[in-house]
Amino acid sequence: MMRILLFLATNLAVVLIASITLSLFGFNGFMAANGVDLNLNQLLVFCAVFGFAGSLFSLFISKWMAKMSTGTQIISQPRTRHEQWLLQTVEQLSREAGIKMPEVGIFPAYEANAFATGWNKNDALVAVSQGLLERFSPDEVKAVLAHEIGHVANGDMVTLALIQGVVNTFVMFFARIIGNFVDKVIFKNEEGQGIAYYVATIFAELVLGILASAIVMWFSRKREYRADEAGARLAGTSAMIGALQRLRAEQGLPVHMPDTLNAFGINGGIKQGLARMFMSHPPLEERIDALRRRG
């Protein structure tokens, strides 16, 4: 909870600084001189409320959505020795990481993957695919679990949701400024908000949203390195490297993780060219090299 409060306070400060900066540079006067009656302070507050509402709501229902979209079966009472081992391993890793043990589940997928989600590091879910359990060695599975426990302990789900909220706020804010400018200054509309406002706002939201998502994905890639480091600390560097190498060996297999969970899986797929800017995960080769340099 303290993490959320500090992050919200920080981003409220960013919103206020943005408002003050625009005022100091005379943006309000410029818009008014061109017939645009726009209260930037009220607009910022409006965009912040709606920008954070969506991302925080998604965060709070993330466990339920993950279970529904992947078909994850929670292990409440282990039925096999493999499920017993899985629970014991997660319990051990959680204790070492200093967090409450998350729910543990298995989802039916052939590709090797795993994810962690949840609104709170002490109320999380860690799930692994059936394919990963069948083909990875116990040490490699433990390393994957340690990676996901690292995400939970680092509070990555919360931080990513809050960063998305900030991005949403500024996309909405600047898209509406652009929409008002086009409507009032270019099309000289003097009666309310004309069609130009709505068309320009929607177009600006699309363009700015694409650019902003690159920022979110940049953070997502950074957090993967930190989770790999956590996995190396909890399960051993060689085991973490081995798990990533096994993932690399299966890289040709399609990733069927739902879009809403792609950023939370240990295996996020590969992209080429400009699309690399929108990758939620760094290339596995770079992650392996980073662990080798760590020693």
Protein backbone atom coordinates (compact mmCIF):
# COMPACT_ATOMS: atom_id res chain seq x y z
CA MET A 1 0.00 0.00 0.00
CA MET A 2 2.86 2.41 0.83
CA ARG A 3 4.33 1.76 -2.64
CA ILE A 4 1.01 2.76 -4.23
CA LEU A 5 0.66 5.90 -2.11
CA LEU A 6 4.22 7.04 -2.82
CA PHE A 7 3.84 6.37 -6.54
CA LEU A 8 0.51 8.19 -6.73
CA ALA A 9 1.98 11.13 -4.80
CA THR A 10 4.94 11.26 -7.17
CA ASN A 11 2.74 11.23 -10.23
CA LEU A 12 0.38 13.83 -8.77
CA ALA A 13 3.47 16.02 -8.44
CA VAL A 14 4.30 15.32 -12.10
CA VAL A 15 0.78 16.37 -13.13
CA LEU A 16 1.02 19.58 -11.10
CA ILE A 17 4.47 20.40 -12.50
CA ALA A 18 3.15 19.85 -16.03
CA SER A 19 0.27 22.23 -15.33
CA ILE A 20 2.57 24.89 -13.86
CA THR A 21 5.05 24.55 -16.74
CA LEU A 22 2.34 25.02 -19.35
CA SER A 23 1.10 28.09 -17.48
CA LEU A 24 4.61 29.59 -17.18
CA PHE A 25 5.18 29.20 -20.90
CA GLY A 26 1.93 31.04 -21.56
CA PHE A 27 0.13 28.10 -23.10
CA ASN A 28 -3.17 29.09 -21.48
CA GLY A 29 -2.83 32.61 -22.91
CA PHE A 30 -1.94 31.28 -26.34
CA MET A 31 -5.00 29.01 -26.40
CA ALA A 32 -7.28 31.79 -25.11
CA ALA A 33 -5.95 34.23 -27.72
CA ASN A 34 -6.94 31.72 -30.39
CA GLY A 35 -10.43 31.25 -29.04
CA VAL A 36 -9.77 28.08 -27.05
CA ASP A 37 -11.34 28.26 -23.60
CA LEU A 38 -9.63 25.30 -21.92
CA ASN A 39 -8.96 24.93 -18.19
CA LEU A 40 -5.76 22.87 -18.15
CA ASN A 41 -5.86 22.20 -14.41
CA GLN A 42 -9.35 20.72 -14.58
CA LEU A 43 -8.41 18.79 -17.72
CA LEU A 44 -5.36 17.28 -15.98
CA VAL A 45 -7.42 16.18 -13.00
CA PHE A 46 -10.09 14.69 -15.26
CA CYS A 47 -7.50 12.78 -17.31
CA ALA A 48 -5.68 11.59 -14.20
CA VAL A 49 -8.88 10.17 -12.69
CA PHE A 50 -9.82 8.28 -15.83
CA GLY A 51 -6.23 7.43 -16.75
CA PHE A 52 -5.55 5.71 -13.44
CA ALA A 53 -9.02 4.21 -13.04
CA GLY A 54 -8.61 1.79 -15.92
CA SER A 55 -5.12 0.60 -15.02
CA LEU A 56 -5.87 0.23 -11.30
CA PHE A 57 -9.13 -1.61 -11.99
CA SER A 58 -7.23 -4.01 -14.26
CA LEU A 59 -4.66 -4.51 -11.51
CA PHE A 60 -7.27 -5.33 -8.87
CA ILE A 61 -8.99 -7.95 -11.06
CA SER A 62 -5.73 -9.27 -12.55
CA LYS A 63 -5.75 -12.59 -10.67
CA TRP A 64 -9.33 -13.34 -11.64
CA MET A 65 -8.71 -12.37 -15.27
CA ALA A 66 -5.54 -14.49 -15.41
CA LYS A 67 -7.32 -17.56 -14.11
CA MET A 68 -10.21 -17.11 -16.53
CA SER A 69 -8.16 -16.30 -19.64
CA THR A 70 -5.56 -19.06 -19.22
CA GLY A 71 -7.68 -21.77 -17.63
CA THR A 72 -5.32 -21.89 -14.66
CA GLN A 73 -6.18 -24.55 -12.10
CA ILE A 74 -5.21 -23.52 -8.57
CA ILE A 75 -3.51 -26.19 -6.47
CA SER A 76 -5.32 -26.13 -3.15
CA GLN A 77 -4.75 -29.77 -2.23
CA PRO A 78 -1.88 -31.42 -4.14
CA ARG A 79 -2.99 -34.59 -5.89
CA THR A 80 0.41 -35.76 -7.14
CA ARG A 81 3.99 -35.60 -5.91
CA HIS A 82 4.74 -33.09 -8.69
CA GLU A 83 2.07 -30.73 -7.37
CA GLN A 84 3.38 -31.27 -3.83
CA TRP A 85 6.89 -30.38 -5.00
CA LEU A 86 5.57 -27.31 -6.79
CA LEU A 87 3.84 -26.02 -3.66
CA GLN A 88 6.83 -26.74 -1.44
CA THR A 89 9.20 -25.01 -3.87
CA VAL A 90 7.04 -21.87 -4.14
CA GLU A 91 6.67 -21.80 -0.36
CA GLN A 92 10.45 -22.00 0.10
CA LEU A 93 11.17 -19.32 -2.51
CA SER A 94 8.50 -17.01 -1.09
CA ARG A 95 9.92 -17.34 2.39
CA GLU A 96 13.42 -16.53 1.15
CA ALA A 97 12.06 -13.54 -0.81
CA GLY A 98 10.22 -12.24 2.27
CA ILE A 99 6.70 -12.37 0.85
CA LYS A 100 3.52 -14.24 1.70
CA MET A 101 3.14 -17.42 -0.31
CA PRO A 102 1.10 -16.72 -3.47
CA GLU A 103 -1.55 -18.95 -4.96
CA VAL A 104 0.02 -21.59 -7.18
CA GLY A 105 -1.55 -22.89 -10.37
CA ILE A 106 -0.98 -24.81 -13.59
CA PHE A 107 -2.42 -23.71 -16.95
CA PRO A 108 -2.93 -26.00 -19.97
CA ALA A 109 -0.45 -24.85 -22.62
CA TYR A 110 2.14 -26.79 -24.61
CA GLU A 111 4.63 -23.93 -24.80
CA ALA A 112 6.96 -23.40 -21.84
CA ASN A 113 5.81 -20.32 -19.97
CA ALA A 114 4.91 -18.99 -16.53
CA PHE A 115 3.49 -15.80 -15.12
CA ALA A 116 2.89 -13.93 -11.88
CA THR A 117 0.15 -11.41 -11.24
CA GLY A 118 -1.86 -9.83 -8.45
CA TRP A 119 -2.53 -6.41 -6.95
CA ASN A 120 -0.32 -6.96 -3.91
CA LYS A 121 2.93 -8.83 -3.32
CA ASN A 122 1.22 -10.63 -0.44
CA ASP A 123 -1.84 -11.54 -2.51
CA ALA A 124 -0.38 -12.80 -5.77
CA LEU A 125 -0.69 -15.73 -8.17
CA VAL A 126 2.17 -17.71 -9.71
CA ALA A 127 1.30 -20.17 -12.48
CA VAL A 128 3.30 -22.39 -14.80
CA SER A 129 2.31 -24.10 -18.04
CA GLN A 130 1.85 -27.84 -18.28
CA GLY A 131 4.43 -27.92 -21.07
CA LEU A 132 7.08 -26.30 -18.89
CA LEU A 133 6.51 -28.83 -16.10
CA GLU A 134 6.74 -31.73 -18.52
CA ARG A 135 9.91 -30.72 -20.37
CA PHE A 136 12.02 -28.69 -17.91
CA SER A 137 14.24 -30.20 -15.24
CA PRO A 138 13.40 -29.57 -11.56
CA ASP A 139 16.26 -27.04 -11.29
CA GLU A 140 15.01 -25.19 -14.36
CA VAL A 141 11.42 -25.14 -13.09
CA LYS A 142 12.66 -23.84 -9.74
CA ALA A 143 14.57 -21.06 -11.51
CA VAL A 144 11.46 -20.08 -13.49
CA LEU A 145 9.44 -20.00 -10.27
CA ALA A 146 12.17 -17.91 -8.63
CA HIS A 147 11.98 -15.46 -11.54
CA GLU A 148 8.23 -15.08 -11.03
CA ILE A 149 8.63 -14.76 -7.26
CA GLY A 150 11.15 -12.01 -8.05
CA HIS A 151 8.47 -10.13 -9.99
CA VAL A 152 6.12 -10.41 -7.02
CA ALA A 153 8.72 -9.37 -4.44
CA ASN A 154 9.78 -6.40 -6.59
CA GLY A 155 6.16 -5.21 -6.81
CA ASP A 156 6.42 -5.19 -10.60
CA MET A 157 2.70 -5.70 -11.25
CA VAL A 158 1.78 -2.67 -9.17
CA THR A 159 4.50 -0.47 -10.62
CA LEU A 160 3.65 -1.41 -14.21
CA ALA A 161 -0.03 -0.63 -13.61
CA LEU A 162 0.81 2.76 -12.12
CA ILE A 163 3.16 3.64 -14.97
CA GLN A 164 0.36 2.70 -17.36
CA GLY A 165 -1.90 5.06 -15.41
CA VAL A 166 0.55 7.94 -15.84
CA VAL A 167 0.87 7.19 -19.55
CA ASN A 168 -2.93 7.03 -19.93
CA THR A 169 -3.25 10.40 -18.17
CA PHE A 170 -0.89 12.24 -20.47
CA VAL A 171 -2.17 10.57 -23.63
CA MET A 172 -5.71 11.70 -22.77
CA PHE A 173 -4.49 15.17 -21.71
CA PHE A 174 -2.46 16.04 -24.79
CA ALA A 175 -4.92 14.38 -27.18
CA ARG A 176 -7.67 16.70 -25.90
CA ILE A 177 -5.42 19.74 -26.18
CA ILE A 178 -4.67 18.79 -29.77
CA GLY A 179 -8.37 18.17 -30.44
CA ASN A 180 -9.33 21.58 -29.06
CA PHE A 181 -6.56 23.31 -31.01
CA VAL A 182 -7.61 21.70 -34.31
CA ASP A 183 -11.29 22.43 -33.68
CA LYS A 184 -10.95 26.06 -32.53
CA VAL A 185 -7.80 27.34 -34.25
CA ILE A 186 -7.69 25.47 -37.55
CA PHE A 187 -11.41 24.92 -38.21
CA LYS A 188 -12.49 28.11 -36.38
CA ASN A 189 -15.39 26.42 -34.66
CA GLU A 190 -16.97 28.81 -32.13
CA GLU A 191 -19.91 26.73 -30.92
CA GLY A 192 -19.03 23.96 -28.46
CA GLN A 193 -16.96 21.06 -29.72
CA GLY A 194 -17.31 20.26 -33.38
CA ILE A 195 -16.66 17.06 -35.30
CA ALA A 196 -13.05 18.16 -35.85
CA TYR A 197 -12.45 17.98 -32.10
CA TYR A 198 -13.59 14.37 -31.85
CA VAL A 199 -11.77 13.20 -34.98
CA ALA A 200 -8.53 14.95 -33.99
CA THR A 201 -8.74 13.71 -30.39
CA ILE A 202 -9.27 10.09 -31.42
CA PHE A 203 -6.44 10.27 -33.95
CA ALA A 204 -4.11 11.90 -31.43
CA GLU A 205 -4.97 9.28 -28.79
CA LEU A 206 -4.09 6.51 -31.24
CA VAL A 207 -0.75 8.06 -32.21
CA LEU A 208 0.22 9.13 -28.70
CA GLY A 209 -0.97 5.79 -27.29
CA ILE A 210 1.36 3.91 -29.63
CA LEU A 211 4.30 6.14 -28.70
CA ALA A 212 3.47 5.89 -25.00
CA SER A 213 3.26 2.11 -25.10
CA ALA A 214 6.93 2.08 -26.11
CA ILE A 215 7.69 3.71 -22.74
CA VAL A 216 5.67 1.09 -20.86
CA MET A 217 7.39 -1.73 -22.75
CA TRP A 218 10.80 -0.19 -22.00
CA PHE A 219 10.02 -0.45 -18.30
CA SER A 220 8.68 -3.98 -18.79
CA ARG A 221 12.00 -5.03 -20.35
CA LYS A 222 13.96 -3.48 -17.49
CA ARG A 223 11.95 -5.36 -14.89
CA GLU A 224 12.72 -8.68 -16.63
CA TYR A 225 16.42 -8.18 -15.93
CA ARG A 226 15.64 -7.53 -12.26
CA ALA A 227 13.45 -10.63 -12.07
CA ASP A 228 16.23 -12.69 -13.68
CA GLU A 229 18.63 -11.39 -11.02
CA ALA A 230 16.14 -12.34 -8.32
CA GLY A 231 15.80 -15.79 -9.87
CA ALA A 232 19.58 -16.16 -9.86
CA ARG A 233 19.78 -15.18 -6.18
CA LEU A 234 17.00 -17.54 -5.13
CA ALA A 235 17.71 -20.55 -7.36
CA GLY A 236 21.32 -20.07 -8.45
CA THR A 237 22.81 -18.31 -11.46
CA SER A 238 23.54 -21.51 -13.38
CA ALA A 239 19.96 -22.74 -12.92
CA MET A 240 18.54 -19.39 -14.08
CA ILE A 241 20.80 -19.38 -17.14
CA GLY A 242 19.84 -22.99 -17.84
CA ALA A 243 16.13 -22.15 -17.71
CA LEU A 244 16.57 -19.23 -20.13
CA GLN A 245 18.61 -21.43 -22.47
CA ARG A 246 15.81 -24.01 -22.46
CA LEU A 247 13.34 -21.25 -23.29
CA ARG A 248 15.59 -20.13 -26.13
CA ALA A 249 15.72 -23.70 -27.50
CA GLU A 250 11.91 -23.66 -27.73
CA GLN A 251 11.67 -20.16 -29.15
CA GLY A 252 10.07 -21.34 -32.39
CA LEU A 253 6.95 -22.47 -30.58
CA PRO A 254 4.03 -20.00 -30.72
CA VAL A 255 3.21 -18.16 -27.50
CA HIS A 256 -0.49 -18.44 -26.72
CA MET A 257 -0.49 -16.23 -23.63
CA PRO A 258 -3.46 -13.81 -23.74
CA ASP A 259 -2.46 -10.28 -24.80
CA THR A 260 -3.30 -8.91 -21.35
CA LEU A 261 -0.76 -11.30 -19.80
CA ASN A 262 2.06 -11.18 -22.35
CA ALA A 263 4.06 -8.74 -20.25
CA PHE A 264 3.80 -11.04 -17.22
CA GLY A 265 5.04 -14.28 -18.81
CA ILE A 266 8.68 -15.31 -18.57
CA ASN A 267 8.65 -15.95 -22.33
CA GLY A 268 7.29 -13.00 -24.29
CA GLY A 269 8.09 -14.00 -27.85
CA ILE A 270 10.41 -12.22 -30.31
CA LYS A 271 10.01 -9.27 -32.66
CA GLN A 272 12.19 -7.69 -35.31
CA GLY A 273 12.92 -4.17 -36.55
CA LEU A 274 10.97 -1.29 -35.05
CA ALA A 275 8.66 -3.80 -33.38
CA ARG A 276 11.50 -4.47 -30.91
CA MET A 277 10.60 -1.15 -29.25
CA PHE A 278 7.28 -2.71 -28.28
CA MET A 279 8.67 -5.98 -26.91
CA SER A 280 7.64 -6.67 -23.32
CA HIS A 281 10.74 -8.86 -22.83
CA PRO A 282 14.38 -8.40 -23.87
CA PRO A 283 15.80 -11.06 -26.23
CA LEU A 284 16.73 -14.19 -24.31
CA GLU A 285 20.33 -13.94 -25.53
CA GLU A 286 20.69 -10.53 -23.87
CA ARG A 287 19.15 -11.79 -20.63
CA ILE A 288 21.53 -14.75 -20.58
CA ASP A 289 24.53 -12.46 -21.25
CA ALA A 290 23.45 -10.16 -18.42
CA LEU A 291 23.39 -13.08 -15.98
CA ARG A 292 26.79 -14.31 -17.17
CA ARG A 293 28.28 -10.86 -16.62
CA ARG A 294 26.72 -10.86 -13.16
CA GLY A 295 28.78 -13.98 -12.36
